[in-house]
């Protein structure tokens, strides 16, 4: 109950839910698009090729993005860094729209694009974690409130994953990824109304964590 009495908590909850809206949809539809036959609008990759790209380029890019995102936020402060973190989190949306619009056949081009995707996730994910740690969780029950904050984050992720299939079926791949691009707008708008005080302006760089 104390959690829901925090000043500005409902706006914070809305921000947390929306932060990973694009990611949730990309996580569900992205791998399907990569493996879908080219005649059906996909890239026609094999499961082994997708696994290889994500397991090598993707993993390395995610780790680099996580470290740089942490240091970037520590240097600039959470409030001033937030817009850049949100944009980075939605960089994968641009990547998949590019892939769906151009349908490249080169594995090197696709691999580079997926590297950009995972770098964006790693860099941007720092934003929501630090927001929960430094803005939502502090108080009498810090650990419990951090757990509630991350629970809300996962709830939002599951919600958008659940909706993504029906949306993609209705729109097709290219228009679906355009839709996901537009999903970045609400969280950017909400972020402008958040209260992130001076005490959040300096943040330690978190260790890389799986999104």
N, C-alpha and C. Protein backbone atom coordinates (compact mmCIF):
# COMPACT_ATOMS: atom_id res chain seq x y z
N UNK A 1 0.83 -1.20 0.00
CA UNK A 1 0.00 0.00 0.00
C UNK A 1 0.87 1.25 0.00
N UNK A 2 1.95 1.24 0.78
CA UNK A 2 2.86 2.38 0.84
C UNK A 2 3.44 2.72 -0.53
N UNK A 3 3.65 1.70 -1.34
CA UNK A 3 4.20 1.89 -2.68
C UNK A 3 3.31 2.81 -3.51
N UNK A 4 1.99 2.60 -3.43
CA UNK A 4 1.05 3.35 -4.25
C UNK A 4 0.73 4.73 -3.69
N UNK A 5 1.30 5.05 -2.53
CA UNK A 5 1.13 6.38 -1.95
C UNK A 5 2.31 7.30 -2.24
N UNK A 6 3.31 6.78 -2.91
CA UNK A 6 4.47 7.61 -3.25
C UNK A 6 4.05 8.74 -4.19
N UNK A 7 4.60 9.93 -4.02
CA UNK A 7 4.27 11.04 -4.92
C UNK A 7 4.63 10.70 -6.37
N UNK A 8 3.68 10.91 -7.27
CA UNK A 8 3.93 10.68 -8.69
C UNK A 8 4.05 9.23 -9.10
N UNK A 9 3.61 8.29 -8.24
CA UNK A 9 3.85 6.87 -8.52
C UNK A 9 3.08 6.39 -9.75
N UNK A 10 1.87 6.90 -9.97
CA UNK A 10 1.08 6.39 -11.11
C UNK A 10 1.68 6.83 -12.44
N UNK A 11 2.24 8.02 -12.47
CA UNK A 11 2.94 8.45 -13.68
C UNK A 11 4.20 7.62 -13.88
N UNK A 12 4.88 7.31 -12.77
CA UNK A 12 6.08 6.47 -12.84
C UNK A 12 5.73 5.07 -13.34
N UNK A 13 4.62 4.52 -12.87
CA UNK A 13 4.18 3.19 -13.32
C UNK A 13 3.88 3.22 -14.82
N UNK A 14 3.19 4.26 -15.27
CA UNK A 14 2.89 4.38 -16.70
C UNK A 14 4.18 4.44 -17.52
N UNK A 15 5.15 5.19 -17.04
CA UNK A 15 6.44 5.30 -17.72
C UNK A 15 7.14 3.95 -17.79
N UNK A 16 7.15 3.22 -16.69
CA UNK A 16 7.81 1.91 -16.65
C UNK A 16 7.14 0.93 -17.61
N UNK A 17 5.81 0.94 -17.64
CA UNK A 17 5.07 0.04 -18.53
C UNK A 17 5.37 0.37 -19.99
N UNK A 18 5.40 1.65 -20.32
CA UNK A 18 5.60 2.06 -21.71
C UNK A 18 7.05 1.95 -22.18
N UNK A 19 7.98 1.96 -21.23
CA UNK A 19 9.41 2.02 -21.59
C UNK A 19 9.81 0.88 -22.51
N UNK A 20 9.28 -0.31 -22.27
CA UNK A 20 9.69 -1.48 -23.05
C UNK A 20 8.61 -1.93 -24.04
N UNK A 21 7.71 -1.00 -24.40
CA UNK A 21 6.61 -1.34 -25.31
C UNK A 21 7.14 -1.85 -26.65
N UNK A 22 8.09 -1.13 -27.22
CA UNK A 22 8.66 -1.56 -28.49
C UNK A 22 9.44 -2.85 -28.36
N UNK A 23 10.23 -2.95 -27.30
CA UNK A 23 11.04 -4.15 -27.09
C UNK A 23 10.18 -5.40 -26.98
N UNK A 24 9.09 -5.30 -26.21
CA UNK A 24 8.22 -6.46 -26.03
C UNK A 24 7.68 -6.99 -27.35
N UNK A 25 7.31 -6.07 -28.23
CA UNK A 25 6.77 -6.47 -29.53
C UNK A 25 7.86 -7.01 -30.46
N UNK A 26 9.03 -6.36 -30.43
CA UNK A 26 10.14 -6.82 -31.26
C UNK A 26 10.63 -8.19 -30.81
N UNK A 27 10.70 -8.41 -29.50
CA UNK A 27 11.16 -9.70 -28.99
C UNK A 27 10.29 -10.85 -29.49
N UNK A 28 9.00 -10.58 -29.65
CA UNK A 28 8.08 -11.62 -30.10
C UNK A 28 8.11 -11.80 -31.61
N UNK A 29 8.01 -10.70 -32.34
CA UNK A 29 7.85 -10.76 -33.79
C UNK A 29 9.19 -10.77 -34.53
N UNK A 30 10.21 -10.13 -33.95
CA UNK A 30 11.51 -10.03 -34.62
C UNK A 30 12.08 -11.36 -35.07
N UNK A 31 12.22 -12.35 -34.17
CA UNK A 31 12.76 -13.65 -34.58
C UNK A 31 11.90 -14.34 -35.64
N UNK A 32 10.58 -14.17 -35.56
CA UNK A 32 9.70 -14.76 -36.58
C UNK A 32 9.94 -14.12 -37.94
N UNK A 33 10.11 -12.81 -37.94
CA UNK A 33 10.40 -12.08 -39.18
C UNK A 33 11.72 -12.54 -39.79
N UNK A 34 12.73 -12.73 -38.96
CA UNK A 34 14.03 -13.16 -39.47
C UNK A 34 13.96 -14.53 -40.13
N UNK A 35 13.11 -15.42 -39.59
CA UNK A 35 13.03 -16.79 -40.13
C UNK A 35 11.94 -16.95 -41.18
N UNK A 36 11.04 -16.00 -41.26
CA UNK A 36 9.94 -16.09 -42.24
C UNK A 36 10.50 -16.12 -43.66
N UNK A 37 9.85 -16.90 -44.54
CA UNK A 37 10.28 -16.97 -45.94
C UNK A 37 10.21 -15.59 -46.59
N UNK A 38 11.12 -15.34 -47.52
CA UNK A 38 11.14 -14.03 -48.18
C UNK A 38 9.85 -13.76 -48.94
N UNK A 39 9.25 -14.78 -49.46
CA UNK A 39 7.99 -14.60 -50.17
C UNK A 39 6.86 -14.16 -49.27
N UNK A 40 7.01 -14.40 -47.97
CA UNK A 40 5.99 -14.00 -47.00
C UNK A 40 6.37 -12.71 -46.27
N UNK A 41 7.44 -12.06 -46.74
CA UNK A 41 7.82 -10.77 -46.16
C UNK A 41 8.96 -10.82 -45.17
N UNK A 42 9.51 -12.03 -44.91
CA UNK A 42 10.60 -12.15 -43.95
C UNK A 42 11.96 -12.13 -44.62
N UNK A 43 12.99 -12.53 -43.86
CA UNK A 43 14.35 -12.54 -44.40
C UNK A 43 14.85 -13.93 -44.75
N UNK A 44 14.10 -14.96 -44.38
CA UNK A 44 14.43 -16.31 -44.79
C UNK A 44 15.67 -16.90 -44.16
N UNK A 45 16.05 -16.46 -42.97
CA UNK A 45 17.21 -17.03 -42.29
C UNK A 45 16.85 -18.37 -41.65
N UNK A 46 17.85 -19.21 -41.47
CA UNK A 46 17.63 -20.46 -40.75
C UNK A 46 17.72 -20.20 -39.25
N UNK A 47 17.22 -21.14 -38.47
CA UNK A 47 17.31 -21.02 -37.01
C UNK A 47 18.76 -20.95 -36.56
N UNK A 48 19.63 -21.73 -37.21
CA UNK A 48 21.05 -21.71 -36.87
C UNK A 48 21.67 -20.34 -37.14
N UNK A 49 21.30 -19.73 -38.25
CA UNK A 49 21.85 -18.41 -38.59
C UNK A 49 21.40 -17.35 -37.59
N UNK A 50 20.14 -17.40 -37.21
CA UNK A 50 19.62 -16.45 -36.22
C UNK A 50 20.34 -16.63 -34.88
N UNK A 51 20.49 -17.89 -34.47
CA UNK A 51 21.18 -18.18 -33.22
C UNK A 51 22.63 -17.73 -33.24
N UNK A 52 23.30 -17.94 -34.38
CA UNK A 52 24.70 -17.54 -34.51
C UNK A 52 24.85 -16.02 -34.40
N UNK A 53 23.99 -15.29 -35.09
CA UNK A 53 24.09 -13.83 -35.08
C UNK A 53 23.82 -13.25 -33.69
N UNK A 54 22.77 -13.74 -33.04
CA UNK A 54 22.45 -13.23 -31.71
C UNK A 54 23.46 -13.70 -30.67
N UNK A 55 23.97 -14.91 -30.84
CA UNK A 55 24.89 -15.46 -29.85
C UNK A 55 26.28 -14.86 -29.90
N UNK A 56 26.65 -14.30 -31.04
CA UNK A 56 28.00 -13.71 -31.17
C UNK A 56 27.92 -12.19 -31.19
N UNK A 57 27.51 -11.65 -32.32
CA UNK A 57 27.42 -10.19 -32.47
C UNK A 57 26.45 -9.59 -31.46
N UNK A 58 25.29 -10.23 -31.31
CA UNK A 58 24.26 -9.68 -30.43
C UNK A 58 24.70 -9.62 -28.98
N UNK A 59 25.28 -10.70 -28.48
CA UNK A 59 25.71 -10.74 -27.08
C UNK A 59 26.80 -9.70 -26.80
N UNK A 60 27.79 -9.63 -27.68
CA UNK A 60 28.86 -8.66 -27.50
C UNK A 60 28.35 -7.23 -27.53
N UNK A 61 27.45 -6.94 -28.47
CA UNK A 61 26.91 -5.59 -28.60
C UNK A 61 26.07 -5.21 -27.38
N UNK A 62 25.33 -6.18 -26.84
CA UNK A 62 24.51 -5.92 -25.65
C UNK A 62 25.39 -5.56 -24.46
N UNK A 63 26.46 -6.31 -24.26
CA UNK A 63 27.36 -6.05 -23.14
C UNK A 63 28.03 -4.68 -23.26
N UNK A 64 28.49 -4.36 -24.47
CA UNK A 64 29.12 -3.06 -24.69
C UNK A 64 28.11 -1.94 -24.44
N UNK A 65 26.89 -2.11 -24.95
CA UNK A 65 25.85 -1.11 -24.75
C UNK A 65 25.52 -0.91 -23.29
N UNK A 66 25.45 -2.00 -22.52
CA UNK A 66 25.14 -1.91 -21.09
C UNK A 66 26.20 -1.11 -20.34
N UNK A 67 27.46 -1.42 -20.61
CA UNK A 67 28.55 -0.72 -19.93
C UNK A 67 28.57 0.76 -20.30
N UNK A 68 28.48 1.05 -21.60
CA UNK A 68 28.51 2.44 -22.04
C UNK A 68 27.29 3.21 -21.56
N UNK A 69 26.13 2.56 -21.54
CA UNK A 69 24.93 3.21 -21.04
C UNK A 69 25.06 3.59 -19.58
N UNK A 70 25.67 2.71 -18.79
CA UNK A 70 25.88 3.00 -17.38
C UNK A 70 26.82 4.17 -17.16
N UNK A 71 27.94 4.18 -17.88
CA UNK A 71 28.89 5.28 -17.74
C UNK A 71 28.32 6.59 -18.28
N UNK A 72 27.56 6.50 -19.36
CA UNK A 72 26.93 7.70 -19.93
C UNK A 72 25.98 8.34 -18.93
N UNK A 73 25.17 7.51 -18.27
CA UNK A 73 24.22 8.03 -17.29
C UNK A 73 24.92 8.57 -16.05
N UNK A 74 25.99 7.90 -15.64
CA UNK A 74 26.77 8.37 -14.51
C UNK A 74 27.39 9.73 -14.81
N UNK A 75 27.83 9.92 -16.03
CA UNK A 75 28.47 11.18 -16.43
C UNK A 75 27.46 12.31 -16.57
N UNK A 76 26.31 12.03 -17.20
CA UNK A 76 25.36 13.08 -17.53
C UNK A 76 24.29 13.28 -16.46
N UNK A 77 24.02 12.24 -15.69
CA UNK A 77 22.92 12.30 -14.73
C UNK A 77 21.67 11.70 -15.34
N UNK A 78 20.85 11.04 -14.52
CA UNK A 78 19.69 10.31 -15.03
C UNK A 78 18.70 11.23 -15.73
N UNK A 79 18.43 12.38 -15.15
CA UNK A 79 17.42 13.28 -15.73
C UNK A 79 17.81 13.72 -17.13
N UNK A 80 19.04 14.17 -17.30
CA UNK A 80 19.48 14.66 -18.60
C UNK A 80 19.75 13.53 -19.59
N UNK A 81 20.05 12.35 -19.08
CA UNK A 81 20.36 11.22 -19.96
C UNK A 81 19.11 10.48 -20.43
N UNK A 82 17.97 10.72 -19.77
CA UNK A 82 16.81 9.87 -20.00
C UNK A 82 16.34 9.86 -21.45
N UNK A 83 16.29 11.00 -22.10
CA UNK A 83 15.82 11.02 -23.49
C UNK A 83 16.72 10.18 -24.38
N UNK A 84 18.02 10.30 -24.21
CA UNK A 84 18.96 9.50 -25.00
C UNK A 84 18.78 8.02 -24.72
N UNK A 85 18.52 7.66 -23.47
CA UNK A 85 18.32 6.26 -23.11
C UNK A 85 17.04 5.71 -23.74
N UNK A 86 15.99 6.52 -23.75
CA UNK A 86 14.74 6.10 -24.39
C UNK A 86 14.95 5.90 -25.89
N UNK A 87 15.64 6.83 -26.52
CA UNK A 87 15.90 6.71 -27.96
C UNK A 87 16.74 5.47 -28.26
N UNK A 88 17.73 5.21 -27.41
CA UNK A 88 18.56 4.01 -27.60
C UNK A 88 17.73 2.75 -27.46
N UNK A 89 16.81 2.75 -26.49
CA UNK A 89 15.96 1.58 -26.27
C UNK A 89 15.07 1.30 -27.48
N UNK A 90 14.77 2.34 -28.22
CA UNK A 90 13.91 2.18 -29.40
C UNK A 90 14.70 2.13 -30.71
N UNK A 91 16.02 2.14 -30.62
CA UNK A 91 16.86 1.97 -31.80
C UNK A 91 16.57 0.65 -32.53
N UNK A 92 16.31 -0.46 -31.80
CA UNK A 92 15.96 -1.71 -32.48
C UNK A 92 14.73 -1.59 -33.37
N UNK A 93 13.80 -0.70 -33.01
CA UNK A 93 12.61 -0.51 -33.84
C UNK A 93 12.99 0.03 -35.21
N UNK A 94 13.96 0.95 -35.22
CA UNK A 94 14.47 1.49 -36.48
C UNK A 94 15.15 0.39 -37.29
N UNK A 95 15.92 -0.45 -36.58
CA UNK A 95 16.64 -1.54 -37.23
C UNK A 95 15.68 -2.47 -37.96
N UNK A 96 14.63 -2.89 -37.28
CA UNK A 96 13.72 -3.86 -37.89
C UNK A 96 12.86 -3.22 -38.98
N UNK A 97 12.56 -1.95 -38.85
CA UNK A 97 11.85 -1.28 -39.95
C UNK A 97 12.76 -1.23 -41.18
N UNK A 98 14.03 -0.93 -40.96
CA UNK A 98 15.00 -0.92 -42.06
C UNK A 98 15.09 -2.29 -42.72
N UNK A 99 15.19 -3.34 -41.90
CA UNK A 99 15.30 -4.69 -42.45
C UNK A 99 14.05 -5.09 -43.23
N UNK A 100 12.87 -4.71 -42.72
CA UNK A 100 11.63 -5.08 -43.39
C UNK A 100 11.44 -4.28 -44.68
N UNK A 101 11.94 -3.05 -44.71
CA UNK A 101 11.76 -2.20 -45.89
C UNK A 101 12.76 -2.53 -46.99
N UNK A 102 13.96 -2.96 -46.61
CA UNK A 102 15.02 -3.20 -47.60
C UNK A 102 15.27 -4.67 -47.89
N UNK A 103 14.88 -5.56 -46.96
CA UNK A 103 15.06 -7.01 -47.11
C UNK A 103 16.45 -7.38 -47.60
N UNK A 104 17.51 -7.02 -46.90
CA UNK A 104 18.87 -7.35 -47.35
C UNK A 104 19.10 -8.85 -47.34
N UNK A 105 19.91 -9.32 -48.26
CA UNK A 105 20.22 -10.75 -48.32
C UNK A 105 21.58 -11.06 -47.71
N UNK A 106 22.40 -10.05 -47.53
CA UNK A 106 23.74 -10.23 -46.98
C UNK A 106 23.67 -10.53 -45.49
N UNK A 107 24.28 -11.65 -45.09
CA UNK A 107 24.30 -12.01 -43.67
C UNK A 107 25.11 -11.00 -42.87
N UNK A 108 26.11 -10.40 -43.49
CA UNK A 108 26.92 -9.39 -42.81
C UNK A 108 26.10 -8.15 -42.49
N UNK A 109 25.27 -7.72 -43.43
CA UNK A 109 24.42 -6.55 -43.21
C UNK A 109 23.39 -6.84 -42.13
N UNK A 110 22.78 -8.01 -42.20
CA UNK A 110 21.79 -8.39 -41.19
C UNK A 110 22.45 -8.49 -39.82
N UNK A 111 23.64 -9.09 -39.77
CA UNK A 111 24.36 -9.22 -38.51
C UNK A 111 24.71 -7.87 -37.92
N UNK A 112 25.15 -6.93 -38.76
CA UNK A 112 25.46 -5.58 -38.29
C UNK A 112 24.21 -4.90 -37.74
N UNK A 113 23.09 -5.10 -38.43
CA UNK A 113 21.83 -4.50 -37.97
C UNK A 113 21.42 -5.07 -36.61
N UNK A 114 21.56 -6.38 -36.45
CA UNK A 114 21.21 -7.01 -35.17
C UNK A 114 22.18 -6.58 -34.07
N UNK A 115 23.42 -6.29 -34.43
CA UNK A 115 24.36 -5.75 -33.46
C UNK A 115 23.91 -4.39 -32.96
N UNK A 116 23.43 -3.54 -33.89
CA UNK A 116 22.90 -2.23 -33.50
C UNK A 116 21.67 -2.41 -32.61
N UNK A 117 20.83 -3.38 -32.96
CA UNK A 117 19.65 -3.67 -32.14
C UNK A 117 20.03 -3.96 -30.70
N UNK A 118 20.94 -4.90 -30.51
CA UNK A 118 21.30 -5.33 -29.16
C UNK A 118 22.10 -4.27 -28.41
N UNK A 119 22.89 -3.48 -29.12
CA UNK A 119 23.58 -2.35 -28.48
C UNK A 119 22.55 -1.37 -27.93
N UNK A 120 21.52 -1.09 -28.73
CA UNK A 120 20.47 -0.18 -28.28
C UNK A 120 19.76 -0.68 -27.04
N UNK A 121 19.44 -1.98 -27.02
CA UNK A 121 18.80 -2.56 -25.84
C UNK A 121 19.69 -2.43 -24.61
N UNK A 122 20.96 -2.78 -24.77
CA UNK A 122 21.88 -2.72 -23.64
C UNK A 122 22.04 -1.31 -23.11
N UNK A 123 22.21 -0.36 -24.01
CA UNK A 123 22.40 1.04 -23.62
C UNK A 123 21.13 1.60 -22.98
N UNK A 124 19.99 1.36 -23.61
CA UNK A 124 18.74 1.96 -23.14
C UNK A 124 18.16 1.32 -21.90
N UNK A 125 18.38 0.02 -21.71
CA UNK A 125 17.79 -0.69 -20.57
C UNK A 125 18.27 -0.13 -19.24
N UNK A 126 19.46 0.46 -19.26
CA UNK A 126 20.00 1.11 -18.07
C UNK A 126 19.01 2.15 -17.53
N UNK A 127 18.31 2.83 -18.45
CA UNK A 127 17.41 3.91 -18.05
C UNK A 127 16.30 3.46 -17.14
N UNK A 128 15.60 2.40 -17.50
CA UNK A 128 14.47 1.97 -16.68
C UNK A 128 14.93 1.34 -15.38
N UNK A 129 16.06 0.63 -15.40
CA UNK A 129 16.58 0.03 -14.17
C UNK A 129 16.99 1.11 -13.17
N UNK A 130 17.72 2.12 -13.63
CA UNK A 130 18.13 3.20 -12.73
C UNK A 130 16.94 4.02 -12.27
N UNK A 131 15.95 4.19 -13.13
CA UNK A 131 14.75 4.91 -12.72
C UNK A 131 14.05 4.20 -11.57
N UNK A 132 13.93 2.88 -11.69
CA UNK A 132 13.31 2.10 -10.61
C UNK A 132 14.16 2.17 -9.35
N UNK A 133 15.47 2.01 -9.50
CA UNK A 133 16.37 2.00 -8.35
C UNK A 133 16.40 3.34 -7.61
N UNK A 134 16.44 4.42 -8.35
CA UNK A 134 16.72 5.72 -7.75
C UNK A 134 15.50 6.60 -7.55
N UNK A 135 14.43 6.35 -8.29
CA UNK A 135 13.25 7.20 -8.19
C UNK A 135 12.08 6.46 -7.53
N UNK A 136 11.86 5.22 -7.93
CA UNK A 136 10.70 4.47 -7.45
C UNK A 136 10.98 3.74 -6.14
N UNK A 137 12.12 3.10 -6.03
CA UNK A 137 12.39 2.22 -4.89
C UNK A 137 12.71 2.91 -3.57
N UNK A 138 13.42 4.03 -3.53
CA UNK A 138 13.85 4.60 -2.25
C UNK A 138 12.69 4.88 -1.29
N UNK A 139 12.94 4.64 -0.02
CA UNK A 139 11.92 4.84 1.01
C UNK A 139 12.09 3.83 2.13
N UNK A 140 11.05 3.61 2.88
CA UNK A 140 11.10 2.70 4.02
C UNK A 140 11.30 1.25 3.59
N UNK A 141 10.77 0.89 2.44
CA UNK A 141 10.80 -0.51 1.99
C UNK A 141 11.48 -0.58 0.62
N UNK A 142 12.71 -0.17 0.57
CA UNK A 142 13.41 -0.04 -0.70
C UNK A 142 13.44 -1.34 -1.51
N UNK A 143 13.79 -2.44 -0.85
CA UNK A 143 13.90 -3.71 -1.56
C UNK A 143 12.55 -4.16 -2.11
N UNK A 144 11.51 -4.05 -1.28
CA UNK A 144 10.17 -4.45 -1.71
C UNK A 144 9.68 -3.57 -2.85
N UNK A 145 9.96 -2.28 -2.77
CA UNK A 145 9.50 -1.36 -3.81
C UNK A 145 10.29 -1.55 -5.10
N UNK A 146 11.56 -1.92 -4.99
CA UNK A 146 12.33 -2.25 -6.19
C UNK A 146 11.73 -3.48 -6.87
N UNK A 147 11.38 -4.47 -6.06
CA UNK A 147 10.77 -5.69 -6.60
C UNK A 147 9.43 -5.37 -7.27
N UNK A 148 8.64 -4.50 -6.66
CA UNK A 148 7.36 -4.11 -7.26
C UNK A 148 7.59 -3.36 -8.58
N UNK A 149 8.59 -2.49 -8.58
CA UNK A 149 8.90 -1.75 -9.81
C UNK A 149 9.31 -2.65 -10.95
N UNK A 150 10.16 -3.62 -10.66
CA UNK A 150 10.58 -4.56 -11.72
C UNK A 150 9.43 -5.47 -12.12
N UNK A 151 8.54 -5.76 -11.18
CA UNK A 151 7.35 -6.55 -11.51
C UNK A 151 6.45 -5.81 -12.48
N UNK A 152 6.26 -4.51 -12.24
CA UNK A 152 5.48 -3.68 -13.16
C UNK A 152 6.13 -3.66 -14.54
N UNK A 153 7.46 -3.56 -14.56
CA UNK A 153 8.19 -3.56 -15.82
C UNK A 153 7.94 -4.85 -16.60
N UNK A 154 8.00 -5.98 -15.92
CA UNK A 154 7.77 -7.27 -16.59
C UNK A 154 6.32 -7.41 -17.04
N UNK A 155 5.40 -6.87 -16.24
CA UNK A 155 3.99 -6.91 -16.61
C UNK A 155 3.76 -6.16 -17.92
N UNK A 156 4.38 -4.98 -18.04
CA UNK A 156 4.26 -4.22 -19.28
C UNK A 156 4.85 -4.97 -20.45
N UNK A 157 5.99 -5.62 -20.23
CA UNK A 157 6.64 -6.38 -21.29
C UNK A 157 5.74 -7.51 -21.78
N UNK A 158 5.15 -8.24 -20.84
CA UNK A 158 4.26 -9.35 -21.19
C UNK A 158 3.03 -8.84 -21.93
N UNK A 159 2.49 -7.70 -21.48
CA UNK A 159 1.31 -7.12 -22.13
C UNK A 159 1.58 -6.85 -23.60
N UNK A 160 2.68 -6.19 -23.90
CA UNK A 160 2.97 -5.84 -25.29
C UNK A 160 3.38 -7.06 -26.12
N UNK A 161 4.01 -8.04 -25.49
CA UNK A 161 4.30 -9.29 -26.19
C UNK A 161 3.00 -9.98 -26.61
N UNK A 162 2.03 -9.97 -25.70
CA UNK A 162 0.75 -10.64 -25.95
C UNK A 162 0.00 -9.98 -27.10
N UNK A 163 0.05 -8.67 -27.17
CA UNK A 163 -0.69 -7.94 -28.20
C UNK A 163 -0.01 -7.98 -29.57
N UNK A 164 1.29 -8.24 -29.59
CA UNK A 164 2.07 -8.07 -30.81
C UNK A 164 1.64 -8.99 -31.95
N UNK A 165 1.26 -10.21 -31.64
CA UNK A 165 0.90 -11.16 -32.69
C UNK A 165 -0.30 -10.70 -33.49
N UNK A 166 -1.35 -10.28 -32.80
CA UNK A 166 -2.56 -9.82 -33.50
C UNK A 166 -2.29 -8.55 -34.30
N UNK A 167 -1.46 -7.67 -33.75
CA UNK A 167 -1.14 -6.43 -34.46
C UNK A 167 -0.36 -6.73 -35.73
N UNK A 168 0.61 -7.64 -35.64
CA UNK A 168 1.41 -7.97 -36.83
C UNK A 168 0.55 -8.65 -37.90
N UNK A 169 -0.35 -9.52 -37.47
CA UNK A 169 -1.23 -10.20 -38.42
C UNK A 169 -2.09 -9.19 -39.18
N UNK A 170 -2.53 -8.16 -38.48
CA UNK A 170 -3.38 -7.14 -39.10
C UNK A 170 -2.60 -6.21 -40.02
N UNK A 171 -1.34 -5.93 -39.68
CA UNK A 171 -0.58 -4.91 -40.41
C UNK A 171 0.43 -5.46 -41.41
N UNK A 172 0.91 -6.69 -41.21
CA UNK A 172 2.04 -7.17 -42.00
C UNK A 172 3.34 -6.68 -41.39
N UNK A 173 4.46 -7.24 -41.84
CA UNK A 173 5.73 -6.95 -41.18
C UNK A 173 6.16 -5.48 -41.27
N UNK A 174 6.20 -4.92 -42.47
CA UNK A 174 6.75 -3.57 -42.60
C UNK A 174 5.92 -2.54 -41.84
N UNK A 175 4.61 -2.60 -41.98
CA UNK A 175 3.76 -1.64 -41.26
C UNK A 175 3.75 -1.92 -39.76
N UNK A 176 3.93 -3.18 -39.39
CA UNK A 176 4.04 -3.50 -37.97
C UNK A 176 5.26 -2.83 -37.36
N UNK A 177 6.40 -2.91 -38.03
CA UNK A 177 7.60 -2.29 -37.48
C UNK A 177 7.51 -0.76 -37.50
N UNK A 178 6.75 -0.21 -38.44
CA UNK A 178 6.48 1.23 -38.40
C UNK A 178 5.64 1.57 -37.18
N UNK A 179 4.64 0.73 -36.90
CA UNK A 179 3.82 0.90 -35.70
C UNK A 179 4.68 0.86 -34.44
N UNK A 180 5.60 -0.08 -34.39
CA UNK A 180 6.47 -0.19 -33.21
C UNK A 180 7.33 1.06 -33.06
N UNK A 181 7.77 1.62 -34.17
CA UNK A 181 8.51 2.88 -34.13
C UNK A 181 7.68 3.97 -33.45
N UNK A 182 6.41 4.04 -33.79
CA UNK A 182 5.52 5.06 -33.22
C UNK A 182 5.26 4.83 -31.74
N UNK A 183 5.46 3.60 -31.28
CA UNK A 183 5.24 3.29 -29.87
C UNK A 183 6.25 3.99 -28.96
N UNK A 184 7.30 4.55 -29.54
CA UNK A 184 8.27 5.30 -28.73
C UNK A 184 7.73 6.66 -28.31
N UNK A 185 6.76 7.17 -29.04
CA UNK A 185 6.27 8.53 -28.78
C UNK A 185 5.64 8.68 -27.39
N UNK A 186 4.72 7.78 -26.98
CA UNK A 186 4.10 7.96 -25.66
C UNK A 186 5.10 7.99 -24.51
N UNK A 187 6.10 7.13 -24.51
CA UNK A 187 7.05 7.10 -23.39
C UNK A 187 7.92 8.36 -23.39
N UNK A 188 8.22 8.89 -24.56
CA UNK A 188 8.97 10.16 -24.62
C UNK A 188 8.14 11.29 -24.02
N UNK A 189 6.85 11.32 -24.36
CA UNK A 189 5.96 12.36 -23.82
C UNK A 189 5.85 12.24 -22.31
N UNK A 190 5.61 11.03 -21.82
CA UNK A 190 5.47 10.82 -20.37
C UNK A 190 6.75 11.20 -19.64
N UNK A 191 7.89 10.92 -20.24
CA UNK A 191 9.17 11.20 -19.58
C UNK A 191 9.36 12.68 -19.29
N UNK A 192 8.73 13.54 -20.09
CA UNK A 192 8.89 14.99 -19.90
C UNK A 192 8.18 15.47 -18.63
N UNK A 193 7.28 14.64 -18.09
CA UNK A 193 6.53 15.04 -16.90
C UNK A 193 7.03 14.35 -15.63
N UNK A 194 8.05 13.53 -15.75
CA UNK A 194 8.59 12.82 -14.59
C UNK A 194 9.36 13.78 -13.69
N UNK A 195 9.32 13.48 -12.39
CA UNK A 195 10.11 14.25 -11.43
C UNK A 195 11.35 13.44 -11.09
N UNK A 196 12.47 13.88 -11.63
CA UNK A 196 13.76 13.26 -11.32
C UNK A 196 14.63 14.36 -10.75
N UNK A 197 14.81 14.34 -9.43
CA UNK A 197 15.47 15.45 -8.75
C UNK A 197 16.98 15.43 -8.87
N UNK A 198 17.59 16.42 -8.25
CA UNK A 198 19.05 16.57 -8.30
C UNK A 198 19.77 15.38 -7.69
N UNK A 199 19.12 14.72 -6.74
CA UNK A 199 19.77 13.58 -6.09
C UNK A 199 19.98 12.41 -7.04
N UNK A 200 19.27 12.43 -8.19
CA UNK A 200 19.42 11.36 -9.18
C UNK A 200 20.39 11.74 -10.29
N UNK A 201 21.00 12.93 -10.19
CA UNK A 201 21.83 13.42 -11.28
C UNK A 201 23.15 12.68 -11.41
N UNK A 202 23.57 11.98 -10.37
CA UNK A 202 24.81 11.20 -10.45
C UNK A 202 24.50 9.78 -10.07
N UNK A 203 24.74 8.86 -10.98
CA UNK A 203 24.36 7.47 -10.75
C UNK A 203 25.52 6.57 -11.04
N UNK A 204 25.75 5.55 -10.18
CA UNK A 204 26.81 4.60 -10.46
C UNK A 204 26.48 3.77 -11.67
N UNK A 205 27.48 3.41 -12.43
CA UNK A 205 27.25 2.59 -13.62
C UNK A 205 26.91 1.18 -13.20
N UNK A 206 25.70 0.67 -13.59
CA UNK A 206 25.33 -0.68 -13.22
C UNK A 206 26.08 -1.70 -14.03
N UNK A 207 26.17 -2.91 -13.50
CA UNK A 207 26.79 -4.00 -14.24
C UNK A 207 25.86 -4.45 -15.35
N UNK A 208 26.38 -4.95 -16.46
CA UNK A 208 25.53 -5.45 -17.53
C UNK A 208 24.56 -6.49 -17.01
N UNK A 209 23.31 -6.41 -17.46
CA UNK A 209 22.28 -7.35 -17.02
C UNK A 209 21.44 -7.74 -18.20
N UNK A 210 20.96 -8.96 -18.19
CA UNK A 210 20.10 -9.42 -19.27
C UNK A 210 18.79 -8.66 -19.24
N UNK A 211 18.36 -8.24 -20.42
CA UNK A 211 17.09 -7.52 -20.49
C UNK A 211 15.94 -8.48 -20.32
